[in-house]
Amino acid sequence: MKNEVFESWIDQYFGLLLKKALYMLSNKEDAQDIVQDVFTAAFSNYESFEGKSQPLTWLMTILRTKIADFYRKKYKLIINAMPNHFFDEVESWKNNDVWNSWNVSTEPDLLDNPDFKKALEECIEELPYRWRVLFKMYYFEEQKATEVCQELNISTTNLWKILQRSRMQLRESLELKWFSRL
């Protein structure tokens, strides 16, 4: 019975889980490994599934935990993530132009534009790995600051600094990849 249920879950939910994992990890091999780990963990803990939620909800919860574990492990391995073109050796802004107003197009529904979304995704992928991890957890997974800090064992001050620097780098990258073309 358990094997039949799992076969149907794999058939039904593998694609959805892989799509979510690929979106969060941006690496096909890592995403496939994580999804495989999700099904392995779910199979091992099948008896704890009480059926109070849909199987997909349970599997997505496991997926989020596995992705958080993946990021936590990788985050600790990467030491230096600060691009030098923004900051000097004492971590002060090299160029205060970043505080100037952003004179960009007021194009409505910019996020509905597939070309803009592609440019934005490219810019996000160019962020240093540690920054990208935090950025995705906070903005895409919509985890609370306290959750991100706890999962990655960082202070809230560090989180806010990294998010601010990520936004600044995204701004610069979008100016080059998108807004300069307008």
C-alpha atoms as a PDB file:
ATOM      1  CA  MET A   1       0.000   0.000   0.000  1.00  0.00           C
ATOM      2  CA  LYS A   2       2.727   2.473   1.036  1.00  0.00           C
ATOM      3  CA  ASN A   3       4.700   1.807  -2.163  1.00  0.00           C
ATOM      4  CA  GLU A   4       1.620   2.370  -4.336  1.00  0.00           C
ATOM      5  CA  VAL A   5       0.836   5.651  -2.582  1.00  0.00           C
ATOM      6  CA  PHE A   6       4.398   6.839  -3.062  1.00  0.00           C
ATOM      7  CA  GLU A   7       4.441   5.899  -6.712  1.00  0.00           C
ATOM      8  CA  SER A   8       1.320   7.980  -7.256  1.00  0.00           C
ATOM      9  CA  TRP A   9       2.799  10.888  -5.244  1.00  0.00           C
ATOM     10  CA  ILE A  10       5.966  10.801  -7.328  1.00  0.00           C
ATOM     11  CA  ASP A  11       3.911  10.783 -10.530  1.00  0.00           C
ATOM     12  CA  GLN A  12       1.684  13.626  -9.330  1.00  0.00           C
ATOM     13  CA  TYR A  13       4.074  15.894  -7.461  1.00  0.00           C
ATOM     14  CA  PHE A  14       7.610  15.366  -8.738  1.00  0.00           C
ATOM     15  CA  GLY A  15       7.310  18.045 -11.418  1.00  0.00           C
ATOM     16  CA  LEU A  16       5.843  20.636  -9.038  1.00  0.00           C
ATOM     17  CA  LEU A  17       8.490  19.998  -6.397  1.00  0.00           C
ATOM     18  CA  LEU A  18      11.268  20.113  -8.977  1.00  0.00           C
ATOM     19  CA  LYS A  19       9.974  23.389 -10.393  1.00  0.00           C
ATOM     20  CA  LYS A  20       9.939  24.979  -6.920  1.00  0.00           C
ATOM     21  CA  ALA A  21      13.376  23.583  -6.040  1.00  0.00           C
ATOM     22  CA  LEU A  22      14.862  24.736  -9.332  1.00  0.00           C
ATOM     23  CA  TYR A  23      13.453  28.207  -8.799  1.00  0.00           C
ATOM     24  CA  MET A  24      14.961  28.419  -5.318  1.00  0.00           C
ATOM     25  CA  LEU A  25      18.303  26.762  -6.056  1.00  0.00           C
ATOM     26  CA  SER A  26      18.944  27.822  -9.676  1.00  0.00           C
ATOM     27  CA  ASN A  27      20.813  24.597 -10.305  1.00  0.00           C
ATOM     28  CA  LYS A  28      19.155  21.602 -11.931  1.00  0.00           C
ATOM     29  CA  GLU A  29      21.363  18.947 -10.340  1.00  0.00           C
ATOM     30  CA  ASP A  30      20.970  20.397  -6.843  1.00  0.00           C
ATOM     31  CA  ALA A  31      17.213  20.719  -7.360  1.00  0.00           C
ATOM     32  CA  GLN A  32      16.923  17.093  -8.487  1.00  0.00           C
ATOM     33  CA  ASP A  33      18.981  15.919  -5.498  1.00  0.00           C
ATOM     34  CA  ILE A  34      16.810  17.918  -3.089  1.00  0.00           C
ATOM     35  CA  VAL A  35      13.576  16.551  -4.554  1.00  0.00           C
ATOM     36  CA  GLN A  36      14.962  13.028  -4.303  1.00  0.00           C
ATOM     37  CA  ASP A  37      15.809  13.755  -0.657  1.00  0.00           C
ATOM     38  CA  VAL A  38      12.250  15.007  -0.119  1.00  0.00           C
ATOM     39  CA  PHE A  39      10.742  11.746  -1.343  1.00  0.00           C
ATOM     40  CA  THR A  40      13.265   9.710   0.637  1.00  0.00           C
ATOM     41  CA  ALA A  41      12.443  11.624   3.821  1.00  0.00           C
ATOM     42  CA  ALA A  42       8.713  11.412   3.138  1.00  0.00           C
ATOM     43  CA  PHE A  43       8.929   7.652   2.536  1.00  0.00           C
ATOM     44  CA  SER A  44      10.925   7.157   5.741  1.00  0.00           C
ATOM     45  CA  ASN A  45       8.447   9.247   7.736  1.00  0.00           C
ATOM     46  CA  TYR A  46       5.262   8.136   6.018  1.00  0.00           C
ATOM     47  CA  GLU A  47       3.754   6.954   9.300  1.00  0.00           C
ATOM     48  CA  SER A  48       3.946  10.518  10.657  1.00  0.00           C
ATOM     49  CA  PHE A  49       1.783  11.828   7.797  1.00  0.00           C
ATOM     50  CA  GLU A  50      -1.608  12.106   9.443  1.00  0.00           C
ATOM     51  CA  GLY A  51      -3.542  13.122   6.341  1.00  0.00           C
ATOM     52  CA  LYS A  52      -4.671  16.397   7.922  1.00  0.00           C
ATOM     53  CA  SER A  53      -3.207  18.252   4.954  1.00  0.00           C
ATOM     54  CA  GLN A  54      -2.849  17.422   1.308  1.00  0.00           C
ATOM     55  CA  PRO A  55       0.193  15.293   0.400  1.00  0.00           C
ATOM     56  CA  LEU A  56       1.563  18.161  -1.707  1.00  0.00           C
ATOM     57  CA  THR A  57       1.437  20.504   1.301  1.00  0.00           C
ATOM     58  CA  TRP A  58       3.360  17.984   3.385  1.00  0.00           C
ATOM     59  CA  LEU A  59       5.909  17.406   0.619  1.00  0.00           C
ATOM     60  CA  MET A  60       6.359  21.175   0.090  1.00  0.00           C
ATOM     61  CA  THR A  61       7.036  21.576   3.810  1.00  0.00           C
ATOM     62  CA  ILE A  62       9.710  18.912   3.603  1.00  0.00           C
ATOM     63  CA  LEU A  63      11.104  20.621   0.485  1.00  0.00           C
ATOM     64  CA  ARG A  64      11.365  23.988   2.277  1.00  0.00           C
ATOM     65  CA  THR A  65      13.214  22.317   5.139  1.00  0.00           C
ATOM     66  CA  LYS A  66      15.593  20.550   2.756  1.00  0.00           C
ATOM     67  CA  ILE A  67      16.283  23.788   0.855  1.00  0.00           C
ATOM     68  CA  ALA A  68      16.921  25.635   4.120  1.00  0.00           C
ATOM     69  CA  ASP A  69      19.337  22.875   5.187  1.00  0.00           C
ATOM     70  CA  PHE A  70      21.058  23.074   1.807  1.00  0.00           C
ATOM     71  CA  TYR A  71      21.446  26.859   2.062  1.00  0.00           C
ATOM     72  CA  ARG A  72      22.563  26.688   5.674  1.00  0.00           C
ATOM     73  CA  LYS A  73      25.293  24.199   4.828  1.00  0.00           C
ATOM     74  CA  LYS A  74      26.448  26.066   1.728  1.00  0.00           C
ATOM     75  CA  TYR A  75      26.196  29.462   3.379  1.00  0.00           C
ATOM     76  CA  LYS A  76      28.655  28.431   6.074  1.00  0.00           C
ATOM     77  CA  LEU A  77      31.188  27.284   3.465  1.00  0.00           C
ATOM     78  CA  ILE A  78      31.357  30.586   1.614  1.00  0.00           C
ATOM     79  CA  ILE A  79      33.312  33.229   3.464  1.00  0.00           C
ATOM     80  CA  ASN A  80      33.730  36.410   1.394  1.00  0.00           C
ATOM     81  CA  ALA A  81      30.703  37.694  -0.452  1.00  0.00           C
ATOM     82  CA  MET A  82      31.135  41.447  -0.575  1.00  0.00           C
ATOM     83  CA  PRO A  83      31.812  42.908  -4.032  1.00  0.00           C
ATOM     84  CA  ASN A  84      34.642  45.395  -3.762  1.00  0.00           C
ATOM     85  CA  HIS A  85      33.247  47.822  -6.321  1.00  0.00           C
ATOM     86  CA  PHE A  86      30.672  49.154  -3.799  1.00  0.00           C
ATOM     87  CA  PHE A  87      32.737  49.331  -0.614  1.00  0.00           C
ATOM     88  CA  ASP A  88      36.232  50.224   0.498  1.00  0.00           C
ATOM     89  CA  GLU A  89      38.395  48.306   2.980  1.00  0.00           C
ATOM     90  CA  VAL A  90      36.456  49.682   5.975  1.00  0.00           C
ATOM     91  CA  GLU A  91      33.117  48.794   4.341  1.00  0.00           C
ATOM     92  CA  SER A  92      32.144  52.388   3.573  1.00  0.00           C
ATOM     93  CA  TRP A  93      30.451  53.295   0.312  1.00  0.00           C
ATOM     94  CA  LYS A  94      33.028  54.126  -2.358  1.00  0.00           C
ATOM     95  CA  ASN A  95      30.555  56.142  -4.354  1.00  0.00           C
ATOM     96  CA  ASN A  96      27.679  58.002  -2.762  1.00  0.00           C
ATOM     97  CA  ASP A  97      25.834  58.156  -6.106  1.00  0.00           C
ATOM     98  CA  VAL A  98      23.942  55.068  -4.971  1.00  0.00           C
ATOM     99  CA  TRP A  99      21.797  57.349  -2.843  1.00  0.00           C
ATOM    100  CA  ASN A 100      20.682  59.471  -5.799  1.00  0.00           C
ATOM    101  CA  SER A 101      17.134  59.060  -7.002  1.00  0.00           C
ATOM    102  CA  TRP A 102      16.535  56.380  -9.550  1.00  0.00           C
ATOM    103  CA  ASN A 103      15.224  58.008 -12.701  1.00  0.00           C
ATOM    104  CA  VAL A 104      13.759  55.045 -14.481  1.00  0.00           C
ATOM    105  CA  SER A 105      10.813  54.449 -16.713  1.00  0.00           C
ATOM    106  CA  THR A 106       7.433  54.522 -15.064  1.00  0.00           C
ATOM    107  CA  GLU A 107       6.347  51.666 -17.288  1.00  0.00           C
ATOM    108  CA  PRO A 108       3.254  50.152 -15.669  1.00  0.00           C
ATOM    109  CA  ASP A 109       3.234  46.478 -14.813  1.00  0.00           C
ATOM    110  CA  LEU A 110       6.962  46.061 -15.371  1.00  0.00           C
ATOM    111  CA  LEU A 111       6.920  42.702 -13.597  1.00  0.00           C
ATOM    112  CA  ASP A 112       4.436  41.448 -16.172  1.00  0.00           C
ATOM    113  CA  ASN A 113       6.972  42.079 -18.937  1.00  0.00           C
ATOM    114  CA  PRO A 114       8.686  38.729 -19.672  1.00  0.00           C
ATOM    115  CA  ASP A 115      11.843  40.433 -20.973  1.00  0.00           C
ATOM    116  CA  PHE A 116      12.171  42.479 -17.799  1.00  0.00           C
ATOM    117  CA  LYS A 117      11.546  39.400 -15.633  1.00  0.00           C
ATOM    118  CA  LYS A 118      14.314  37.572 -17.498  1.00  0.00           C
ATOM    119  CA  ALA A 119      16.711  40.493 -16.962  1.00  0.00           C
ATOM    120  CA  LEU A 120      15.772  40.633 -13.275  1.00  0.00           C
ATOM    121  CA  GLU A 121      16.350  36.886 -12.850  1.00  0.00           C
ATOM    122  CA  GLU A 122      19.766  37.207 -14.515  1.00  0.00           C
ATOM    123  CA  CYS A 123      20.650  40.054 -12.174  1.00  0.00           C
ATOM    124  CA  ILE A 124      19.583  38.046  -9.138  1.00  0.00           C
ATOM    125  CA  GLU A 125      21.715  35.112 -10.268  1.00  0.00           C
ATOM    126  CA  GLU A 126      24.720  37.453 -10.482  1.00  0.00           C
ATOM    127  CA  LEU A 127      24.490  38.288  -6.780  1.00  0.00           C
ATOM    128  CA  PRO A 128      27.194  36.715  -4.622  1.00  0.00           C
ATOM    129  CA  TYR A 129      26.005  33.330  -3.448  1.00  0.00           C
ATOM    130  CA  ARG A 130      25.501  34.284   0.213  1.00  0.00           C
ATOM    131  CA  TRP A 131      23.516  37.340  -0.794  1.00  0.00           C
ATOM    132  CA  ARG A 132      21.403  35.375  -3.267  1.00  0.00           C
ATOM    133  CA  VAL A 133      20.568  32.797  -0.594  1.00  0.00           C
ATOM    134  CA  LEU A 134      19.336  35.455   1.819  1.00  0.00           C
ATOM    135  CA  PHE A 135      17.569  37.412  -0.899  1.00  0.00           C
ATOM    136  CA  LYS A 136      15.621  34.397  -2.108  1.00  0.00           C
ATOM    137  CA  MET A 137      14.745  33.189   1.367  1.00  0.00           C
ATOM    138  CA  TYR A 138      13.502  36.620   2.429  1.00  0.00           C
ATOM    139  CA  TYR A 139      11.817  37.867  -0.734  1.00  0.00           C
ATOM    140  CA  PHE A 140      10.836  34.726  -2.662  1.00  0.00           C
ATOM    141  CA  GLU A 141      10.127  32.255   0.113  1.00  0.00           C
ATOM    142  CA  GLU A 142       8.790  35.159   2.190  1.00  0.00           C
ATOM    143  CA  GLN A 143      10.460  33.894   5.333  1.00  0.00           C
ATOM    144  CA  LYS A 144      10.494  36.289   8.250  1.00  0.00           C
ATOM    145  CA  ALA A 145      13.775  37.962   9.128  1.00  0.00           C
ATOM    146  CA  THR A 146      13.967  36.032  12.395  1.00  0.00           C
ATOM    147  CA  GLU A 147      13.563  32.727  10.528  1.00  0.00           C
ATOM    148  CA  VAL A 148      16.272  33.570   7.985  1.00  0.00           C
ATOM    149  CA  CYS A 149      18.636  34.701  10.735  1.00  0.00           C
ATOM    150  CA  GLN A 150      17.979  31.585  12.770  1.00  0.00           C
ATOM    151  CA  GLU A 151      18.362  29.213   9.828  1.00  0.00           C
ATOM    152  CA  LEU A 152      21.634  30.800   8.687  1.00  0.00           C
ATOM    153  CA  ASN A 153      22.895  31.714  12.151  1.00  0.00           C
ATOM    154  CA  ILE A 154      23.406  35.420  11.414  1.00  0.00           C
ATOM    155  CA  SER A 155      22.371  38.591  13.208  1.00  0.00           C
ATOM    156  CA  THR A 156      19.446  40.696  12.030  1.00  0.00           C
ATOM    157  CA  THR A 157      21.857  43.592  11.468  1.00  0.00           C
ATOM    158  CA  ASN A 158      23.882  41.396   9.135  1.00  0.00           C
ATOM    159  CA  LEU A 159      20.719  40.298   7.330  1.00  0.00           C
ATOM    160  CA  TRP A 160      19.574  43.888   6.738  1.00  0.00           C
ATOM    161  CA  LYS A 161      23.044  44.917   5.524  1.00  0.00           C
ATOM    162  CA  ILE A 162      23.207  42.038   3.083  1.00  0.00           C
ATOM    163  CA  LEU A 163      19.675  42.695   1.810  1.00  0.00           C
ATOM    164  CA  GLN A 164      20.482  46.384   1.346  1.00  0.00           C
ATOM    165  CA  ARG A 165      23.681  45.572  -0.525  1.00  0.00           C
ATOM    166  CA  SER A 166      21.831  43.017  -2.624  1.00  0.00           C
ATOM    167  CA  ARG A 167      19.244  45.609  -3.622  1.00  0.00           C
ATOM    168  CA  MET A 168      21.980  48.080  -4.500  1.00  0.00           C
ATOM    169  CA  GLN A 169      23.768  45.547  -6.676  1.00  0.00           C
ATOM    170  CA  LEU A 170      20.474  44.577  -8.314  1.00  0.00           C
ATOM    171  CA  ARG A 171      19.800  48.237  -8.991  1.00  0.00           C
ATOM    172  CA  GLU A 172      23.173  48.692 -10.656  1.00  0.00           C
ATOM    173  CA  SER A 173      22.787  45.501 -12.653  1.00  0.00           C
ATOM    174  CA  LEU A 174      19.244  46.395 -13.775  1.00  0.00           C
ATOM    175  CA  GLU A 175      20.418  49.838 -14.845  1.00  0.00           C
ATOM    176  CA  LEU A 176      22.973  48.167 -17.120  1.00  0.00           C
ATOM    177  CA  LYS A 177      20.841  45.279 -18.372  1.00  0.00           C
ATOM    178  CA  TRP A 178      17.457  46.950 -18.662  1.00  0.00           C
ATOM    179  CA  PHE A 179      17.024  50.648 -18.010  1.00  0.00           C
ATOM    180  CA  SER A 180      19.990  51.808 -20.080  1.00  0.00           C
ATOM    181  CA  ARG A 181      18.279  50.212 -23.107  1.00  0.00           C
ATOM    182  CA  LEU A 182      15.169  52.371 -22.747  1.00  0.00           C
END
